[in-house]
Protein backbone atom coordinates (compact mmCIF):
# COMPACT_ATOMS: atom_id res chain seq x y z
CA UNK A 1 0.00 0.00 0.00
CA UNK A 2 1.22 3.48 -0.87
CA UNK A 3 -0.16 6.84 0.17
CA UNK A 4 0.58 10.03 -1.76
CA UNK A 5 -0.36 13.31 -0.10
CA UNK A 6 -0.60 16.63 -1.88
CA UNK A 7 -2.08 20.09 -1.57
CA UNK A 8 0.14 21.73 1.01
CA UNK A 9 1.60 25.17 0.56
CA UNK A 10 1.93 28.67 1.91
CA UNK A 11 -1.25 30.48 2.89
CA UNK A 12 -2.06 33.59 4.89
CA UNK A 13 -3.87 33.37 8.20
CA UNK A 14 -7.60 33.11 7.62
CA UNK A 15 -7.11 31.36 4.31
CA UNK A 16 -8.02 27.86 3.19
CA UNK A 17 -6.28 24.80 1.79
CA UNK A 18 -7.48 21.41 0.66
CA UNK A 19 -5.20 18.43 1.15
CA UNK A 20 -5.60 15.25 -0.83
CA UNK A 21 -4.23 11.77 -0.30
CA UNK A 22 -4.37 8.94 -2.79
CA UNK A 23 -4.08 5.36 -1.56
CA UNK A 24 -3.09 2.52 -3.83
CA UNK A 25 -2.44 -1.17 -3.43
CA UNK A 26 -4.26 -3.91 -1.54
CA UNK A 27 -6.61 -2.07 0.78
CA UNK A 28 -8.93 -4.04 3.01
CA UNK A 29 -12.24 -2.94 4.43
CA UNK A 30 -13.25 -1.90 6.95
CA UNK A 31 -10.53 0.70 7.27
CA UNK A 32 -9.84 4.13 8.66
CA UNK A 33 -8.12 6.95 6.82
CA UNK A 34 -6.80 9.87 8.79
CA UNK A 35 -4.76 13.04 8.76
CA UNK A 36 -2.09 13.70 11.33
CA UNK A 37 0.20 16.68 11.64
CA UNK A 38 3.54 17.41 13.18
CA UNK A 39 4.48 20.99 13.90
CA UNK A 40 8.02 22.24 14.49
CA UNK A 41 9.37 20.66 17.65
CA UNK A 42 6.08 18.90 18.34
CA UNK A 43 4.86 15.33 18.29
CA UNK A 44 2.68 13.95 15.54
CA UNK A 45 -0.97 14.36 16.48
CA UNK A 46 -4.26 13.24 15.01
CA UNK A 47 -6.18 15.92 13.12
CA UNK A 48 -9.16 13.94 11.88
CA UNK A 49 -10.15 10.45 10.82
CA UNK A 50 -12.87 8.86 8.75
CA UNK A 51 -13.98 5.26 8.37
CA UNK A 52 -14.89 3.76 5.03
CA UNK A 53 -18.47 3.99 6.30
CA UNK A 54 -18.14 7.76 6.69
CA UNK A 55 -17.88 8.05 10.46
CA UNK A 56 -15.66 11.00 11.31
CA UNK A 57 -13.64 12.04 14.31
CA UNK A 58 -11.87 15.36 14.90
CA UNK A 59 -9.37 16.69 17.35
CA UNK A 60 -11.11 19.33 19.42
CA UNK A 61 -9.07 22.25 18.12
CA UNK A 62 -10.02 21.49 14.51
CA UNK A 63 -13.74 21.03 14.95
CA UNK A 64 -15.64 23.53 12.87
CA UNK A 65 -12.60 24.59 10.83
CA UNK A 66 -11.48 21.36 9.20
CA UNK A 67 -13.55 18.82 7.31
CA UNK A 68 -12.38 15.34 6.42
CA UNK A 69 -14.00 13.44 3.57
CA UNK A 70 -13.21 10.49 1.37
CA UNK A 71 -14.05 8.91 -1.96
CA UNK A 72 -14.02 5.15 -1.48
CA UNK A 73 -14.23 4.44 -5.20
CA UNK A 74 -11.02 6.39 -5.77
CA UNK A 75 -9.34 5.48 -2.47
CA UNK A 76 -8.90 9.17 -1.75
CA UNK A 77 -9.12 11.12 1.48
CA UNK A 78 -9.33 14.90 1.70
CA UNK A 79 -8.90 17.52 4.37
CA UNK A 80 -10.54 20.87 3.80
CA UNK A 81 -8.94 23.42 6.10
CA UNK A 82 -10.57 26.80 6.61
CA UNK A 83 -9.77 29.78 8.82
CA UNK A 84 -6.17 28.68 9.02
CA UNK A 85 -4.00 29.95 11.85
CA UNK A 86 -0.22 30.17 12.18
CA UNK A 87 -0.47 27.37 14.76
CA UNK A 88 -1.72 25.11 11.97
CA UNK A 89 1.73 25.24 10.40
CA UNK A 90 2.95 21.65 10.22
CA UNK A 91 3.73 18.72 8.01
CA UNK A 92 0.46 16.91 7.40
CA UNK A 93 0.53 13.16 6.99
CA UNK A 94 -2.20 10.88 5.72
CA UNK A 95 -2.62 7.51 7.33
CA UNK A 96 -4.48 4.32 6.49
CA UNK A 97 -5.22 1.53 8.90
CA UNK A 98 -7.00 -1.82 8.61
CA UNK A 99 -6.91 -5.35 9.92
CA UNK A 100 -6.33 -8.25 7.53
CA UNK A 101 -6.42 -11.86 8.71
CA UNK A 102 -6.22 -10.64 12.27
CA UNK A 103 -3.08 -8.57 11.65
CA UNK A 104 -3.25 -4.77 12.01
CA UNK A 105 -1.64 -2.72 9.27
CA UNK A 106 -0.93 0.99 9.22
CA UNK A 107 0.55 3.02 6.40
CA UNK A 108 1.81 6.59 6.18
CA UNK A 109 2.13 9.02 3.34
CA UNK A 110 5.21 11.14 2.86
CA UNK A 111 3.71 14.30 4.31
CA UNK A 112 2.83 17.64 2.81
CA UNK A 113 3.96 20.93 4.36
CA UNK A 114 1.40 23.55 5.29
CA UNK A 115 2.75 26.95 6.25
CA UNK A 116 0.38 29.61 7.55
CA UNK A 117 1.78 33.12 7.70
CA UNK A 118 0.48 35.76 10.08
């Protein structure tokens, strides 16, 4: 399985960005796709996740500003980020997890950098 993230860039505070992540390979269902981020000098934290059934979960600080969605037919996951703040500056990673034959698997994309200027 490979994950390819894209859509990062430089944006002013208050602006918006949409991240995309394409998954390819042998993907089992049910599964969860997610976005994590790692800011400078910080640990990698969950931003939002979504099951293949469409159940979503958000970190508290992102609720109302970020929206995660997915296209199961295309094995894509998206993160729409609005009202961006300088604190949102981070490398954003997409993640895919599932269990196959009783074995848990987790995969990471390469990360895409989001920089929010004040």
